[in-house]
Amino acid sequence: MSEGPDNSSGATGYVIPGGEFSRDQNYIATRITADGRDGFPVEPGRYRLVVSRACPWANRALIVRRLLGLEDVLSMAVAGPTHDERSWTFDLDPGGRDPVLGYERLQEAFFARFPDYDRGITVPAIVDVPTGQVVTNDYPQITLDLSTEWREHHRPGAPDLYPEALRAEIDEVNQRVFTEVNNGVYRCGFAGTQGAYEAAYHRLFDALDWLTDRLSAQRYLVGDTITEADVRLFTTLARFDAVYHGHFKCNRSKLAEMPVLWAYARDLFQTPGFGDTIDFDHIKRHYYEVHRDINPTGVVPLGPALDGWLEPSDRESLGGRPFGDGTPPGPPSPAETVPADHTPLRS
């Protein structure tokens, strides 16, 4: 087994015999729960969510935190869009250090708890501020726990992103979206042989065709409101034309050439809590500058044009209520607002 892409990026994994990219899914499984059964109880102000706006897995946590209104109880550190072989860095902050943790690198939080930690230093991660130790980087569980274990601290009108009655269906959809789409684009991009790439390519677009059929007659993936399933699909679709179509060779069609998925993605992008977390500058800089095995020059493309994200989607005609009986979140705070020249929402 040969080591594949840099293990501190969103592409943590290996190229196995036959050329297929295999994602390393061994994360720190400690959970922050209402009853504190893992030693980390939910406590406002105790923890810090570390993200990069470039990373699709971290972007999920950004969206869920916004939709549920957890900004005042779970602070956030934003790492820069690029990193070296060691770790994500806090180079966006004055002096290159996170002002709460005092760290230059996310790696320091991992080593504070596990001095011999030898796996990927990944985002999102949640750090226990009093000890400076990482608690978890288990990104699928992080967002589910924000919805369920942190419920006491949700804002009034927060949506139920993981309703009990729909969990089995949400889990089933999420599994296929993860294996074929979220991870499928990486299997295309980091394939080590022509055969592995072609197999990954067909699996990806077969799944996108399945999603097109599913979303042709319903506004959201499961039920008539936004759920965890929509969050997980959206972060891949938001990066599709900017990165995956060219950089990862996912080029049967652009998202903008798949009418149903393009309208679905625009509908979510224009929904408060989704598009206002997207930083296209950080997204492109990360993939094109960090993945030098794919893009040796590090040249970052100027396109694609972003204005199309603001075109009407007309998805309202399918019915559905984005927040169910709840309400949309308010605007992000100035400190957490994406720069105007990195998004069509404010350009």
Protein backbone atom coordinates (compact mmCIF):
# COMPACT_ATOMS: atom_id res chain seq x y z
CA MET A 1 0.00 0.00 0.00
CA SER A 2 1.50 3.33 -1.02
CA GLU A 3 0.76 6.60 0.70
CA GLY A 4 -1.33 8.86 -1.45
CA PRO A 5 -2.15 12.55 -1.08
CA ASP A 6 -0.72 14.66 1.73
CA ASN A 7 -2.29 13.36 4.92
CA SER A 8 -3.13 16.73 6.41
CA SER A 9 -5.49 17.74 3.63
CA GLY A 10 -9.06 16.82 2.88
CA ALA A 11 -7.67 13.99 0.77
CA THR A 12 -6.41 11.86 3.65
CA GLY A 13 -5.92 8.40 2.21
CA TYR A 14 -3.90 6.03 0.11
CA VAL A 15 -3.66 4.68 -3.40
CA ILE A 16 -4.15 0.94 -3.12
CA PRO A 17 -3.01 -1.73 -5.61
CA GLY A 18 -4.95 -1.22 -8.80
CA GLY A 19 -4.73 2.56 -8.50
CA GLU A 20 -7.89 3.27 -6.50
CA PHE A 21 -7.87 6.04 -3.90
CA SER A 22 -8.91 4.73 -0.48
CA ARG A 23 -9.89 7.29 2.16
CA ASP A 24 -8.55 6.91 5.69
CA GLN A 25 -11.69 7.03 7.83
CA ASN A 26 -10.09 6.46 11.23
CA TYR A 27 -10.93 9.60 13.17
CA ILE A 28 -10.86 10.53 16.84
CA ALA A 29 -14.22 9.14 17.88
CA THR A 30 -14.61 10.96 21.22
CA ARG A 31 -17.99 12.70 21.34
CA ILE A 32 -19.23 15.85 23.04
CA THR A 33 -22.60 14.86 24.48
CA ALA A 34 -25.31 16.27 26.68
CA ASP A 35 -24.55 13.67 29.37
CA GLY A 36 -20.76 13.90 28.99
CA ARG A 37 -20.38 10.13 28.78
CA ASP A 38 -17.03 10.43 26.94
CA GLY A 39 -15.75 12.97 29.46
CA PHE A 40 -16.67 15.98 27.36
CA PRO A 41 -20.11 17.38 28.25
CA VAL A 42 -21.78 20.04 26.15
CA GLU A 43 -20.85 23.38 27.74
CA PRO A 44 -21.29 26.81 26.15
CA GLY A 45 -17.96 28.53 25.62
CA ARG A 46 -15.81 25.50 26.45
CA TYR A 47 -15.02 24.28 22.93
CA ARG A 48 -13.62 25.76 19.73
CA LEU A 49 -14.57 24.49 16.30
CA VAL A 50 -11.59 24.60 13.92
CA VAL A 51 -12.43 24.76 10.22
CA SER A 52 -11.09 25.76 6.87
CA ARG A 53 -13.54 27.33 4.45
CA ALA A 54 -11.73 25.42 1.70
CA CYS A 55 -12.60 21.97 3.03
CA PRO A 56 -15.97 20.40 2.11
CA TRP A 57 -16.05 18.30 5.30
CA ALA A 58 -15.44 21.37 7.48
CA ASN A 59 -17.94 23.35 5.44
CA ARG A 60 -20.65 20.99 6.69
CA ALA A 61 -19.93 22.00 10.28
CA LEU A 62 -19.91 25.67 9.28
CA ILE A 63 -23.38 25.34 7.76
CA VAL A 64 -24.91 23.32 10.60
CA ARG A 65 -23.49 25.68 13.25
CA ARG A 66 -25.05 28.61 11.35
CA LEU A 67 -28.43 26.97 10.77
CA LEU A 68 -28.74 25.95 14.43
CA GLY A 69 -27.54 29.31 15.77
CA LEU A 70 -24.66 27.91 17.81
CA GLU A 71 -22.25 30.76 17.12
CA ASP A 72 -22.45 32.18 20.64
CA VAL A 73 -21.91 28.85 22.39
CA LEU A 74 -19.32 27.24 20.10
CA SER A 75 -16.58 29.61 18.97
CA MET A 76 -14.82 29.09 15.66
CA ALA A 77 -11.24 29.26 14.43
CA VAL A 78 -10.68 29.55 10.68
CA ALA A 79 -7.46 28.11 9.30
CA GLY A 80 -6.01 29.44 6.08
CA PRO A 81 -6.77 27.74 2.77
CA THR A 82 -3.30 26.21 2.32
CA HIS A 83 -1.02 24.15 4.50
CA ASP A 84 2.24 22.25 4.42
CA GLU A 85 2.88 18.57 5.14
CA ARG A 86 2.49 19.11 8.89
CA SER A 87 -0.83 20.81 9.45
CA TRP A 88 -3.42 23.45 8.79
CA THR A 89 -2.16 26.81 10.06
CA PHE A 90 -3.79 29.91 11.54
CA ASP A 91 -2.09 32.27 9.12
CA LEU A 92 -5.24 34.39 8.71
CA ASP A 93 -4.98 35.59 12.33
CA PRO A 94 -2.75 38.42 13.56
CA GLY A 95 0.70 37.06 14.28
CA GLY A 96 -0.26 33.75 12.70
CA ARG A 97 -1.78 32.41 15.92
CA ASP A 98 -5.34 31.56 16.82
CA PRO A 99 -6.29 34.23 19.39
CA VAL A 100 -8.12 31.78 21.68
CA LEU A 101 -5.93 28.68 21.53
CA GLY A 102 -2.65 30.50 21.02
CA TYR A 103 -1.62 27.90 18.45
CA GLU A 104 0.10 28.45 15.11
CA ARG A 105 -0.97 25.03 13.85
CA LEU A 106 -3.92 22.74 14.46
CA GLN A 107 -1.32 20.01 14.90
CA GLU A 108 -0.53 21.42 18.35
CA ALA A 109 -4.01 20.53 19.64
CA PHE A 110 -3.67 16.96 18.39
CA PHE A 111 -0.22 16.53 19.97
CA ALA A 112 -1.47 18.06 23.23
CA ARG A 113 -3.77 15.07 23.64
CA PHE A 114 -1.87 12.42 21.67
CA PRO A 115 1.90 13.18 21.66
CA ASP A 116 2.56 10.35 19.20
CA TYR A 117 -0.41 11.09 16.91
CA ASP A 118 0.54 9.87 13.43
CA ARG A 119 -2.66 10.20 11.41
CA GLY A 120 -4.01 13.09 9.38
CA ILE A 121 -4.42 16.47 11.06
CA THR A 122 -7.85 17.16 9.64
CA VAL A 123 -10.63 19.71 9.80
CA PRO A 124 -13.19 20.08 11.13
CA ALA A 125 -11.88 19.47 14.61
CA ILE A 126 -13.24 20.51 17.98
CA VAL A 127 -10.72 21.56 20.63
CA ASP A 128 -11.27 21.72 24.40
CA VAL A 129 -10.18 25.28 25.16
CA PRO A 130 -9.20 24.83 28.85
CA THR A 131 -6.74 22.03 28.03
CA GLY A 132 -5.91 22.96 24.43
CA GLN A 133 -6.50 19.33 23.46
CA VAL A 134 -8.37 18.08 20.43
CA VAL A 135 -11.59 16.30 21.33
CA THR A 136 -12.70 14.98 17.95
CA ASN A 137 -12.19 15.27 14.22
CA ASP A 138 -14.94 12.76 13.38
CA TYR A 139 -16.65 15.05 10.88
CA PRO A 140 -19.78 12.94 10.13
CA GLN A 141 -20.53 12.63 13.84
CA ILE A 142 -19.73 16.27 14.64
CA THR A 143 -22.67 17.63 12.65
CA LEU A 144 -25.08 14.97 13.89
CA ASP A 145 -24.11 15.77 17.49
CA LEU A 146 -24.55 19.50 16.90
CA SER A 147 -28.12 18.68 15.85
CA THR A 148 -28.93 16.27 18.66
CA GLU A 149 -26.61 16.66 21.66
CA TRP A 150 -26.45 20.48 21.53
CA ARG A 151 -30.22 20.89 21.15
CA GLU A 152 -30.61 22.81 24.44
CA HIS A 153 -28.51 25.61 22.95
CA HIS A 154 -30.13 25.86 19.51
CA ARG A 155 -31.54 29.24 18.55
CA PRO A 156 -35.32 29.75 18.64
CA GLY A 157 -36.65 28.60 15.28
CA ALA A 158 -33.69 26.33 14.51
CA PRO A 159 -34.58 23.60 11.99
CA ASP A 160 -34.49 19.92 12.88
CA LEU A 161 -31.79 18.70 10.52
CA TYR A 162 -31.92 15.10 11.70
CA PRO A 163 -35.56 14.34 12.56
CA GLU A 164 -36.04 10.97 14.20
CA ALA A 165 -38.79 9.87 11.82
CA LEU A 166 -36.51 10.38 8.80
CA ARG A 167 -33.17 9.21 10.18
CA ALA A 168 -33.15 5.81 8.49
CA GLU A 169 -33.79 7.40 5.08
CA ILE A 170 -31.32 10.22 5.72
CA ASP A 171 -28.64 7.70 6.70
CA GLU A 172 -29.32 5.62 3.58
CA VAL A 173 -29.08 8.65 1.28
CA ASN A 174 -26.00 9.93 3.09
CA GLN A 175 -24.21 6.62 2.64
CA ARG A 176 -24.64 6.64 -1.13
CA VAL A 177 -23.84 10.35 -1.41
CA PHE A 178 -20.65 9.85 0.60
CA THR A 179 -19.32 6.81 -1.22
CA GLU A 180 -20.27 7.89 -4.74
CA VAL A 181 -20.21 11.71 -4.67
CA ASN A 182 -18.48 13.30 -1.65
CA ASN A 183 -15.65 10.76 -1.81
CA GLY A 184 -16.29 9.90 -5.44
CA VAL A 185 -14.76 13.13 -6.72
CA TYR A 186 -11.59 12.33 -4.74
CA ARG A 187 -11.48 8.82 -6.18
CA CYS A 188 -11.47 10.42 -9.62
CA GLY A 189 -8.89 13.05 -8.75
CA PHE A 190 -6.39 10.78 -7.03
CA ALA A 191 -6.82 7.63 -9.11
CA GLY A 192 -3.45 6.06 -9.83
CA THR A 193 -4.38 4.24 -13.03
CA GLN A 194 -6.57 4.85 -16.04
CA GLY A 195 -8.81 1.95 -15.10
CA ALA A 196 -9.32 3.16 -11.53
CA TYR A 197 -10.12 6.65 -12.79
CA GLU A 198 -12.66 5.43 -15.35
CA ALA A 199 -14.41 3.24 -12.78
CA ALA A 200 -14.58 6.15 -10.32
CA TYR A 201 -15.79 8.52 -13.05
CA HIS A 202 -18.70 6.25 -14.01
CA ARG A 203 -19.68 5.64 -10.38
CA LEU A 204 -19.72 9.39 -9.72
CA PHE A 205 -21.88 10.32 -12.68
CA ASP A 206 -24.20 7.35 -12.19
CA ALA A 207 -24.84 8.69 -8.69
CA LEU A 208 -25.35 12.23 -9.96
CA ASP A 209 -27.89 10.87 -12.44
CA TRP A 210 -29.65 9.09 -9.56
CA LEU A 211 -29.71 12.34 -7.59
CA THR A 212 -31.08 14.16 -10.62
CA ASP A 213 -33.98 11.70 -10.81
CA ARG A 214 -34.62 11.99 -7.07
CA LEU A 215 -34.57 15.78 -7.05
CA SER A 216 -36.64 16.22 -10.21
CA ALA A 217 -39.87 15.85 -8.25
CA GLN A 218 -38.91 16.98 -4.75
CA ARG A 219 -37.18 20.09 -3.50
CA TYR A 220 -34.95 18.43 -0.89
CA LEU A 221 -33.28 15.05 -0.60
CA VAL A 222 -35.37 13.66 2.26
CA GLY A 223 -38.78 14.99 3.25
CA ASP A 224 -39.98 18.51 2.52
CA THR A 225 -37.40 20.44 4.59
CA ILE A 226 -33.64 20.85 4.66
CA THR A 227 -31.89 18.00 6.46
CA GLU A 228 -28.37 16.77 7.13
CA ALA A 229 -28.53 15.04 3.75
CA ASP A 230 -28.80 18.34 1.88
CA VAL A 231 -25.89 19.82 3.84
CA ARG A 232 -23.65 16.89 2.92
CA LEU A 233 -24.45 17.00 -0.79
CA PHE A 234 -24.31 20.77 -1.08
CA THR A 235 -20.67 21.18 -0.04
CA THR A 236 -19.54 18.92 -2.89
CA LEU A 237 -21.81 20.58 -5.45
CA ALA A 238 -20.55 24.03 -4.42
CA ARG A 239 -17.00 22.95 -5.35
CA PHE A 240 -17.87 21.04 -8.49
CA ASP A 241 -17.29 23.55 -11.26
CA ALA A 242 -14.62 25.54 -9.42
CA VAL A 243 -12.46 22.51 -8.64
CA TYR A 244 -13.70 18.99 -9.29
CA HIS A 245 -14.66 19.37 -12.95
CA GLY A 246 -11.15 20.34 -14.04
CA HIS A 247 -8.73 19.61 -11.20
CA PHE A 248 -10.21 16.17 -10.42
CA LYS A 249 -11.17 15.33 -14.05
CA CYS A 250 -14.88 15.00 -13.20
CA ASN A 251 -15.67 16.39 -16.60
CA ARG A 252 -18.60 14.59 -18.20
CA SER A 253 -20.63 17.68 -17.34
CA LYS A 254 -20.25 20.81 -15.31
CA LEU A 255 -22.75 21.33 -12.53
CA ALA A 256 -24.06 24.27 -14.56
CA GLU A 257 -24.82 21.78 -17.36
CA MET A 258 -26.93 19.51 -15.12
CA PRO A 259 -30.15 21.53 -14.86
CA VAL A 260 -31.80 19.82 -11.90
CA LEU A 261 -28.71 19.65 -9.70
CA TRP A 262 -27.67 23.17 -10.68
CA ALA A 263 -31.09 24.56 -9.70
CA TYR A 264 -31.02 22.53 -6.45
CA ALA A 265 -27.55 23.83 -5.60
CA ARG A 266 -28.56 27.44 -6.37
CA ASP A 267 -31.67 27.06 -4.21
CA LEU A 268 -29.52 26.03 -1.24
CA PHE A 269 -26.80 28.58 -1.99
CA GLN A 270 -29.38 31.36 -1.77
CA THR A 271 -30.73 29.97 1.51
CA PRO A 272 -29.29 31.73 4.59
CA GLY A 273 -26.67 29.54 6.22
CA PHE A 274 -25.46 27.90 3.01
CA GLY A 275 -24.05 30.31 0.44
CA ASP A 276 -22.86 32.73 3.10
CA THR A 277 -20.35 30.07 4.27
CA ILE A 278 -18.81 29.55 0.83
CA ASP A 279 -15.44 31.16 0.06
CA PHE A 280 -14.58 30.40 -3.56
CA ASP A 281 -11.15 32.01 -3.26
CA HIS A 282 -10.16 29.72 -0.40
CA ILE A 283 -11.63 26.70 -2.17
CA LYS A 284 -9.62 27.21 -5.35
CA ARG A 285 -6.42 28.18 -3.58
CA HIS A 286 -6.50 25.07 -1.43
CA TYR A 287 -7.00 22.50 -4.13
CA TYR A 288 -4.81 24.04 -6.81
CA GLU A 289 -1.96 25.15 -4.54
CA VAL A 290 -1.81 22.20 -2.13
CA HIS A 291 -2.31 19.27 -4.51
CA ARG A 292 1.01 19.65 -6.32
CA ASP A 293 0.95 16.00 -7.36
CA ILE A 294 -2.02 16.92 -9.56
CA ASN A 295 -1.19 20.58 -10.29
CA PRO A 296 2.63 20.89 -10.09
CA THR A 297 2.75 24.59 -10.99
CA GLY A 298 0.33 25.66 -8.28
CA VAL A 299 -1.37 28.00 -10.74
CA VAL A 300 -4.91 28.84 -9.61
CA PRO A 301 -7.53 29.37 -12.34
CA LEU A 302 -9.42 32.64 -12.44
CA GLY A 303 -12.77 31.12 -13.38
CA PRO A 304 -15.47 30.08 -13.41
CA ALA A 305 -17.70 33.13 -13.24
CA LEU A 306 -19.83 33.12 -10.11
CA ASP A 307 -22.82 35.24 -11.07
CA GLY A 308 -24.88 32.20 -12.01
CA TRP A 309 -25.16 31.20 -8.35
CA LEU A 310 -27.56 34.12 -7.85
CA GLU A 311 -29.90 33.29 -10.72
CA PRO A 312 -33.42 32.23 -9.61
CA SER A 313 -33.74 28.49 -9.14
CA ASP A 314 -37.56 28.26 -9.35
CA ARG A 315 -37.36 25.27 -7.00
CA GLU A 316 -40.13 26.77 -4.85
CA SER A 317 -42.61 25.35 -7.36
CA LEU A 318 -41.82 21.89 -5.97
CA GLY A 319 -43.13 22.91 -2.56
CA GLY A 320 -41.25 22.24 0.61
CA ARG A 321 -40.37 24.57 3.44
CA PRO A 322 -36.64 25.16 3.94
CA PHE A 323 -36.79 25.45 7.74
CA GLY A 324 -40.02 23.58 8.41
CA ASP A 325 -41.86 25.36 11.21
CA GLY A 326 -38.69 27.29 12.05
CA THR A 327 -37.03 30.38 10.68
CA PRO A 328 -33.86 31.22 8.75
CA PRO A 329 -30.74 32.20 10.69
CA GLY A 330 -29.75 35.83 10.86
CA PRO A 331 -26.80 37.18 8.91
CA PRO A 332 -23.31 36.06 9.91
CA SER A 333 -21.39 38.30 12.27
CA PRO A 334 -18.89 40.70 10.66
CA ALA A 335 -16.02 38.57 12.00
CA GLU A 336 -17.40 35.48 10.24
CA THR A 337 -18.51 37.10 6.98
CA VAL A 338 -16.85 35.86 3.79
CA PRO A 339 -14.89 38.68 2.08
CA ALA A 340 -16.90 40.43 -0.59
CA ASP A 341 -14.52 39.51 -3.41
CA HIS A 342 -14.66 35.78 -2.51
CA THR A 343 -18.41 35.31 -3.05
CA PRO A 344 -21.10 36.47 -5.47
CA LEU A 345 -23.39 37.24 -2.52
CA ARG A 346 -21.50 40.43 -1.69
CA SER A 347 -19.48 41.28 -4.78
